[in-house]
Amino acid sequence: MKKHALYAIFKSKKTVAALLIAALVGVLILFFSPSERKNQPSGDENAEYIREAENKIKQTVGAICGGDVYVIVTLEYGKETQYAKNTAENSEQTVTSSGAPVVTRTAAPVIRGISVVCRGGSDPVIRQRITEALSCAYGISSARIYVAPAGR
């Protein structure tokens, strides 16, 4: 479309007013429409899960090698909640009970990786014990666990 055609469209005050009203209605619909995000866990839930996992790992690794332990846990994704769906022809609606969605399954967050810095982290035997303990406890591959020695 050429500049002259766009200018002709926006020259009319009625057209500009109609476009502004349509944009305002669109924003209001987005603002007041129910969203699936409201039912998803907050970042606070994920942060709390990470804190608890890091504390448990510190205790476990501390029992293996002693001394100060530093841990970082990263998540693949956070807590997942699946809701009951009522599927009809070409439509799908979430089933509700007393105004709240019906939960069919809740899955814990999935850990992407664990980094551990501890005294004895350079010892291959200690490193293997820590890696096996965390791999078993959290169900993640040993390739996703990194153990490093603490600096002096």
C-alpha atoms as a PDB file:
ATOM      1  CA  MET A   1       0.000   0.000   0.000  1.00  0.00           C
ATOM      2  CA  LYS A   2       1.300   3.462  -0.833  1.00  0.00           C
ATOM      3  CA  LYS A   3       1.662   6.375   1.567  1.00  0.00           C
ATOM      4  CA  HIS A   4      -1.210   8.209  -0.134  1.00  0.00           C
ATOM      5  CA  ALA A   5      -3.642   5.364   0.549  1.00  0.00           C
ATOM      6  CA  LEU A   6      -2.690   5.221   4.250  1.00  0.00           C
ATOM      7  CA  TYR A   7      -2.958   8.979   4.516  1.00  0.00           C
ATOM      8  CA  ALA A   8      -6.452   8.843   2.999  1.00  0.00           C
ATOM      9  CA  ILE A   9      -7.517   6.197   5.535  1.00  0.00           C
ATOM     10  CA  PHE A  10      -6.266   8.160   8.548  1.00  0.00           C
ATOM     11  CA  LYS A  11      -7.483  11.519   7.191  1.00  0.00           C
ATOM     12  CA  SER A  12     -11.046  10.782   8.247  1.00  0.00           C
ATOM     13  CA  LYS A  13     -11.718  11.525  11.935  1.00  0.00           C
ATOM     14  CA  LYS A  14     -14.377   8.808  12.026  1.00  0.00           C
ATOM     15  CA  THR A  15     -11.880   6.168  10.901  1.00  0.00           C
ATOM     16  CA  VAL A  16      -9.300   7.237  13.486  1.00  0.00           C
ATOM     17  CA  ALA A  17     -11.935   7.240  16.234  1.00  0.00           C
ATOM     18  CA  ALA A  18     -13.164   3.764  15.221  1.00  0.00           C
ATOM     19  CA  LEU A  19      -9.599   2.409  15.251  1.00  0.00           C
ATOM     20  CA  LEU A  20      -8.939   3.892  18.696  1.00  0.00           C
ATOM     21  CA  ILE A  21     -12.155   2.436  20.095  1.00  0.00           C
ATOM     22  CA  ALA A  22     -11.341  -0.989  18.629  1.00  0.00           C
ATOM     23  CA  ALA A  23      -7.857  -0.859  20.156  1.00  0.00           C
ATOM     24  CA  LEU A  24      -9.270   0.151  23.556  1.00  0.00           C
ATOM     25  CA  VAL A  25     -11.833  -2.682  23.466  1.00  0.00           C
ATOM     26  CA  GLY A  26      -9.059  -5.137  22.566  1.00  0.00           C
ATOM     27  CA  VAL A  27      -6.935  -4.006  25.510  1.00  0.00           C
ATOM     28  CA  LEU A  28      -9.899  -4.261  27.894  1.00  0.00           C
ATOM     29  CA  ILE A  29     -10.696  -7.781  26.677  1.00  0.00           C
ATOM     30  CA  LEU A  30      -7.098  -8.869  27.246  1.00  0.00           C
ATOM     31  CA  PHE A  31      -7.029  -7.239  30.681  1.00  0.00           C
ATOM     32  CA  PHE A  32     -10.278  -8.729  31.982  1.00  0.00           C
ATOM     33  CA  SER A  33     -10.236 -12.142  30.286  1.00  0.00           C
ATOM     34  CA  PRO A  34      -9.456 -15.171  32.469  1.00  0.00           C
ATOM     35  CA  SER A  35      -5.960 -16.436  31.883  1.00  0.00           C
ATOM     36  CA  GLU A  36      -4.357 -19.852  32.349  1.00  0.00           C
ATOM     37  CA  ARG A  37      -1.395 -18.019  33.885  1.00  0.00           C
ATOM     38  CA  LYS A  38      -3.453 -17.234  36.964  1.00  0.00           C
ATOM     39  CA  ASN A  39      -3.570 -20.965  37.702  1.00  0.00           C
ATOM     40  CA  GLN A  40       0.151 -21.552  37.233  1.00  0.00           C
ATOM     41  CA  PRO A  41       2.519 -21.586  40.176  1.00  0.00           C
ATOM     42  CA  SER A  42       4.253 -18.377  41.003  1.00  0.00           C
ATOM     43  CA  GLY A  43       7.973 -17.805  40.792  1.00  0.00           C
ATOM     44  CA  ASP A  44       7.915 -17.857  44.603  1.00  0.00           C
ATOM     45  CA  GLU A  45       6.888 -21.544  44.567  1.00  0.00           C
ATOM     46  CA  ASN A  46       9.785 -22.376  42.246  1.00  0.00           C
ATOM     47  CA  ALA A  47      12.211 -20.317  44.340  1.00  0.00           C
ATOM     48  CA  GLU A  48      11.048 -22.130  47.479  1.00  0.00           C
ATOM     49  CA  TYR A  49      11.499 -25.517  45.788  1.00  0.00           C
ATOM     50  CA  ILE A  50      15.036 -24.549  44.722  1.00  0.00           C
ATOM     51  CA  ARG A  51      15.881 -23.326  48.247  1.00  0.00           C
ATOM     52  CA  GLU A  52      14.671 -26.579  49.806  1.00  0.00           C
ATOM     53  CA  ALA A  53      16.541 -28.708  47.256  1.00  0.00           C
ATOM     54  CA  GLU A  54      19.750 -26.730  47.779  1.00  0.00           C
ATOM     55  CA  ASN A  55      19.483 -27.120  51.565  1.00  0.00           C
ATOM     56  CA  LYS A  56      18.934 -30.892  51.278  1.00  0.00           C
ATOM     57  CA  ILE A  57      21.881 -31.184  48.903  1.00  0.00           C
ATOM     58  CA  LYS A  58      24.093 -29.156  51.262  1.00  0.00           C
ATOM     59  CA  GLN A  59      23.233 -31.552  54.087  1.00  0.00           C
ATOM     60  CA  THR A  60      23.854 -34.628  51.933  1.00  0.00           C
ATOM     61  CA  VAL A  61      27.144 -33.388  50.498  1.00  0.00           C
ATOM     62  CA  GLY A  62      28.225 -32.108  53.907  1.00  0.00           C
ATOM     63  CA  ALA A  63      27.728 -35.606  55.309  1.00  0.00           C
ATOM     64  CA  ILE A  64      29.888 -37.046  52.516  1.00  0.00           C
ATOM     65  CA  CYS A  65      32.793 -34.596  52.503  1.00  0.00           C
ATOM     66  CA  GLY A  66      32.308 -32.239  55.459  1.00  0.00           C
ATOM     67  CA  GLY A  67      33.096 -28.553  55.524  1.00  0.00           C
ATOM     68  CA  ASP A  68      31.389 -25.692  53.737  1.00  0.00           C
ATOM     69  CA  VAL A  69      29.247 -26.671  50.758  1.00  0.00           C
ATOM     70  CA  TYR A  70      27.937 -24.342  48.067  1.00  0.00           C
ATOM     71  CA  VAL A  71      25.101 -25.515  45.809  1.00  0.00           C
ATOM     72  CA  ILE A  72      23.291 -24.169  42.770  1.00  0.00           C
ATOM     73  CA  VAL A  73      20.155 -25.895  41.450  1.00  0.00           C
ATOM     74  CA  THR A  74      18.551 -24.952  38.129  1.00  0.00           C
ATOM     75  CA  LEU A  75      15.129 -26.078  36.925  1.00  0.00           C
ATOM     76  CA  GLU A  76      14.149 -27.405  33.519  1.00  0.00           C
ATOM     77  CA  TYR A  77      10.626 -26.170  34.241  1.00  0.00           C
ATOM     78  CA  GLY A  78       8.547 -25.419  37.313  1.00  0.00           C
ATOM     79  CA  LYS A  79       5.620 -27.190  38.923  1.00  0.00           C
ATOM     80  CA  GLU A  80       3.105 -28.475  36.380  1.00  0.00           C
ATOM     81  CA  THR A  81      -0.605 -28.709  37.025  1.00  0.00           C
ATOM     82  CA  GLN A  82      -2.989 -30.482  34.662  1.00  0.00           C
ATOM     83  CA  TYR A  83      -6.665 -29.627  34.785  1.00  0.00           C
ATOM     84  CA  ALA A  84      -9.695 -31.724  33.871  1.00  0.00           C
ATOM     85  CA  LYS A  85     -10.963 -30.775  30.423  1.00  0.00           C
ATOM     86  CA  ASN A  86     -14.417 -31.219  28.952  1.00  0.00           C
ATOM     87  CA  THR A  87     -13.932 -31.683  25.223  1.00  0.00           C
ATOM     88  CA  ALA A  88     -16.825 -31.208  22.919  1.00  0.00           C
ATOM     89  CA  GLU A  89     -16.926 -30.837  19.162  1.00  0.00           C
ATOM     90  CA  ASN A  90     -14.255 -28.261  18.227  1.00  0.00           C
ATOM     91  CA  SER A  91     -14.041 -26.843  21.749  1.00  0.00           C
ATOM     92  CA  GLU A  92     -12.357 -27.578  25.037  1.00  0.00           C
ATOM     93  CA  GLN A  93     -13.284 -26.187  28.431  1.00  0.00           C
ATOM     94  CA  THR A  94     -11.672 -26.562  31.826  1.00  0.00           C
ATOM     95  CA  VAL A  95     -13.930 -28.402  34.274  1.00  0.00           C
ATOM     96  CA  THR A  96     -14.646 -26.396  37.433  1.00  0.00           C
ATOM     97  CA  SER A  97     -16.067 -27.255  40.819  1.00  0.00           C
ATOM     98  CA  SER A  98     -17.264 -24.455  43.088  1.00  0.00           C
ATOM     99  CA  GLY A  99     -15.654 -21.972  40.708  1.00  0.00           C
ATOM    100  CA  ALA A 100     -12.184 -23.531  40.899  1.00  0.00           C
ATOM    101  CA  PRO A 101     -10.608 -25.662  38.168  1.00  0.00           C
ATOM    102  CA  VAL A 102     -10.502 -29.409  38.859  1.00  0.00           C
ATOM    103  CA  VAL A 103      -6.898 -30.626  39.129  1.00  0.00           C
ATOM    104  CA  THR A 104      -6.193 -34.073  37.672  1.00  0.00           C
ATOM    105  CA  ARG A 105      -2.416 -34.204  38.220  1.00  0.00           C
ATOM    106  CA  THR A 106       0.319 -32.107  39.766  1.00  0.00           C
ATOM    107  CA  ALA A 107       3.981 -32.757  38.947  1.00  0.00           C
ATOM    108  CA  ALA A 108       6.938 -31.413  40.890  1.00  0.00           C
ATOM    109  CA  PRO A 109       9.457 -29.138  39.160  1.00  0.00           C
ATOM    110  CA  VAL A 110      12.111 -30.922  37.099  1.00  0.00           C
ATOM    111  CA  ILE A 111      15.741 -30.205  37.939  1.00  0.00           C
ATOM    112  CA  ARG A 112      17.980 -29.347  34.981  1.00  0.00           C
ATOM    113  CA  GLY A 113      21.304 -29.417  36.774  1.00  0.00           C
ATOM    114  CA  ILE A 114      23.147 -29.264  40.072  1.00  0.00           C
ATOM    115  CA  SER A 115      26.505 -27.606  40.775  1.00  0.00           C
ATOM    116  CA  VAL A 116      28.331 -28.383  43.998  1.00  0.00           C
ATOM    117  CA  VAL A 117      31.472 -26.748  45.368  1.00  0.00           C
ATOM    118  CA  CYS A 118      32.930 -28.456  48.421  1.00  0.00           C
ATOM    119  CA  ARG A 119      36.081 -29.467  50.217  1.00  0.00           C
ATOM    120  CA  GLY A 120      37.271 -32.736  48.666  1.00  0.00           C
ATOM    121  CA  GLY A 121      35.623 -31.947  45.333  1.00  0.00           C
ATOM    122  CA  SER A 122      38.909 -32.634  43.568  1.00  0.00           C
ATOM    123  CA  ASP A 123      39.080 -36.201  44.929  1.00  0.00           C
ATOM    124  CA  PRO A 124      37.653 -38.582  42.286  1.00  0.00           C
ATOM    125  CA  VAL A 125      36.164 -40.909  44.922  1.00  0.00           C
ATOM    126  CA  ILE A 126      34.375 -38.069  46.750  1.00  0.00           C
ATOM    127  CA  ARG A 127      33.215 -36.600  43.428  1.00  0.00           C
ATOM    128  CA  GLN A 128      31.783 -39.984  42.383  1.00  0.00           C
ATOM    129  CA  ARG A 129      30.001 -40.486  45.721  1.00  0.00           C
ATOM    130  CA  ILE A 130      28.411 -37.031  45.524  1.00  0.00           C
ATOM    131  CA  THR A 131      27.400 -37.496  41.882  1.00  0.00           C
ATOM    132  CA  GLU A 132      25.848 -40.919  42.525  1.00  0.00           C
ATOM    133  CA  ALA A 133      24.010 -39.717  45.634  1.00  0.00           C
ATOM    134  CA  LEU A 134      22.492 -36.720  43.831  1.00  0.00           C
ATOM    135  CA  SER A 135      21.737 -38.665  40.647  1.00  0.00           C
ATOM    136  CA  CYS A 136      19.869 -41.273  42.667  1.00  0.00           C
ATOM    137  CA  ALA A 137      18.055 -38.787  44.922  1.00  0.00           C
ATOM    138  CA  TYR A 138      16.879 -36.457  42.147  1.00  0.00           C
ATOM    139  CA  GLY A 139      16.638 -38.848  39.203  1.00  0.00           C
ATOM    140  CA  ILE A 140      18.912 -36.851  36.926  1.00  0.00           C
ATOM    141  CA  SER A 141      21.820 -37.943  34.795  1.00  0.00           C
ATOM    142  CA  SER A 142      25.296 -37.751  36.295  1.00  0.00           C
ATOM    143  CA  ALA A 143      26.187 -35.575  33.284  1.00  0.00           C
ATOM    144  CA  ARG A 144      23.941 -32.868  34.782  1.00  0.00           C
ATOM    145  CA  ILE A 145      25.815 -32.821  38.091  1.00  0.00           C
ATOM    146  CA  TYR A 146      29.073 -30.893  38.445  1.00  0.00           C
ATOM    147  CA  VAL A 147      31.273 -31.191  41.517  1.00  0.00           C
ATOM    148  CA  ALA A 148      34.189 -28.787  41.978  1.00  0.00           C
ATOM    149  CA  PRO A 149      36.761 -28.300  44.728  1.00  0.00           C
ATOM    150  CA  ALA A 150      36.434 -25.318  47.041  1.00  0.00           C
ATOM    151  CA  GLY A 151      39.123 -22.686  46.585  1.00  0.00           C
ATOM    152  CA  ARG A 152      41.680 -22.222  49.281  1.00  0.00           C
END
